């Protein structure tokens, strides 16, 4: 009759093998390409490379751009600050371009 003591010699190596398999799976997932859970650094592109977004302001500095973006957000307009190759741009969706232009033309 087999008892637990007769199989105990295989228990240690099986646990070690199981841990190695788990580590291999975790490391393959961690170092695989294209499926990272860590966000990538934003790429700087031209104004045309931002999909549906349209530039409504072309300030000289990121501070000015953030102030303009905040003004648009206060008026309920979804806006984003995009670092382009030509400098910072405040961008909105095409449906909000006219309203954003009015908001930015008025004094704060």
Protein backbone atom coordinates (compact mmCIF):
# COMPACT_ATOMS: atom_id res chain seq x y z
CA UNK A 1 0.00 0.00 0.00
CA UNK A 2 1.35 3.41 -1.00
CA UNK A 3 1.52 6.08 1.65
CA UNK A 4 2.25 9.79 1.51
CA UNK A 5 5.81 9.18 2.65
CA UNK A 6 6.52 7.09 -0.42
CA UNK A 7 5.62 10.00 -2.75
CA UNK A 8 7.28 12.77 -0.75
CA UNK A 9 10.51 12.49 -2.77
CA UNK A 10 8.61 13.79 -5.85
CA UNK A 11 6.81 16.62 -4.04
CA UNK A 12 9.80 19.00 -3.80
CA UNK A 13 10.84 18.78 -7.46
CA UNK A 14 7.21 19.13 -8.62
CA UNK A 15 6.77 22.32 -6.59
CA UNK A 16 10.05 23.70 -7.95
CA UNK A 17 9.03 22.85 -11.51
CA UNK A 18 5.65 24.51 -10.99
CA UNK A 19 7.31 27.70 -9.73
CA UNK A 20 9.68 27.76 -12.71
CA UNK A 21 6.73 27.40 -15.11
CA UNK A 22 4.90 30.27 -13.38
CA UNK A 23 8.02 32.46 -13.57
CA UNK A 24 8.52 31.66 -17.25
CA UNK A 25 4.92 32.60 -18.05
CA UNK A 26 5.15 35.85 -16.07
CA UNK A 27 8.47 36.84 -17.67
CA UNK A 28 7.21 36.05 -21.18
CA UNK A 29 4.17 38.25 -20.53
CA UNK A 30 6.29 41.03 -19.03
CA UNK A 31 8.80 41.21 -21.87
CA UNK A 32 6.46 40.50 -24.78
CA UNK A 33 6.03 43.23 -27.37
CA UNK A 34 2.83 45.16 -27.97
CA UNK A 35 0.85 44.07 -24.92
CA UNK A 36 2.33 46.14 -22.12
CA UNK A 37 0.16 47.50 -19.31
CA UNK A 38 2.55 50.44 -18.97
CA UNK A 39 1.62 53.37 -21.18
CA UNK A 40 4.14 54.49 -23.75
CA UNK A 41 5.65 57.93 -23.95
CA UNK A 42 3.51 60.13 -26.23
CA UNK A 43 4.87 60.56 -29.73
CA UNK A 44 5.23 64.08 -31.05
CA UNK A 45 3.65 64.56 -34.47
CA UNK A 46 2.15 67.21 -36.70
CA UNK A 47 -1.34 68.64 -36.18
CA UNK A 48 -2.74 66.33 -38.85
CA UNK A 49 -1.64 63.19 -36.97
CA UNK A 50 -4.18 63.56 -34.14
CA UNK A 51 -7.14 61.87 -35.82
CA UNK A 52 -10.43 63.70 -35.34
CA UNK A 53 -8.96 66.45 -33.20
CA UNK A 54 -8.64 69.94 -34.70
CA UNK A 55 -6.27 72.64 -33.47
CA UNK A 56 -8.11 75.74 -32.23
CA UNK A 57 -5.19 77.54 -30.60
CA UNK A 58 -1.47 77.74 -31.26
CA UNK A 59 0.07 79.26 -28.12
CA UNK A 60 3.79 79.78 -27.72
CA UNK A 61 4.25 77.89 -24.45
CA UNK A 62 2.70 74.93 -22.68
CA UNK A 63 1.63 77.19 -19.81
CA UNK A 64 -0.42 79.39 -22.14
CA UNK A 65 -1.83 76.28 -23.82
CA UNK A 66 -2.91 74.80 -20.48
CA UNK A 67 -4.62 78.07 -19.52
CA UNK A 68 -6.56 78.06 -22.80
CA UNK A 69 -7.47 74.41 -22.36
CA UNK A 70 -8.76 75.09 -18.85
CA UNK A 71 -10.92 77.95 -20.16
CA UNK A 72 -12.48 75.60 -22.71
CA UNK A 73 -13.06 72.91 -20.08
CA UNK A 74 -14.77 75.48 -17.83
CA UNK A 75 -17.23 76.15 -20.68
CA UNK A 76 -17.96 72.43 -21.06
CA UNK A 77 -15.84 71.84 -24.17
CA UNK A 78 -13.71 68.71 -24.26
CA UNK A 79 -10.19 69.89 -25.07
CA UNK A 80 -6.73 68.42 -24.98
CA UNK A 81 -3.20 69.77 -25.03
CA UNK A 82 -1.13 68.15 -27.75
CA UNK A 83 2.65 68.45 -28.09
CA UNK A 84 3.22 68.78 -31.85
CA UNK A 85 6.41 69.25 -33.82
CA UNK A 86 5.41 72.90 -34.31
CA UNK A 87 4.79 73.54 -30.62
CA UNK A 88 1.89 73.03 -28.23
CA UNK A 89 -1.64 72.99 -29.66
CA UNK A 90 -5.02 73.10 -27.97
CA UNK A 91 -7.24 70.63 -29.81
CA UNK A 92 -10.96 69.89 -29.79
CA UNK A 93 -13.37 67.68 -31.72
CA UNK A 94 -14.78 69.09 -35.00
CA UNK A 95 -18.26 69.59 -33.51
CA UNK A 96 -16.80 71.95 -30.88
CA UNK A 97 -14.54 74.04 -33.14
CA UNK A 98 -16.97 76.97 -33.61
CA UNK A 99 -17.89 77.16 -29.93
CA UNK A 100 -14.24 76.87 -28.87
CA UNK A 101 -13.33 79.69 -31.24
CA UNK A 102 -15.98 81.94 -29.66
CA UNK A 103 -14.84 81.07 -26.13
CA UNK A 104 -11.18 81.76 -26.95
CA UNK A 105 -11.96 85.08 -28.71
CA UNK A 106 -13.78 86.46 -25.69
CA UNK A 107 -11.79 87.96 -22.83
CA UNK A 108 -11.39 85.77 -19.71
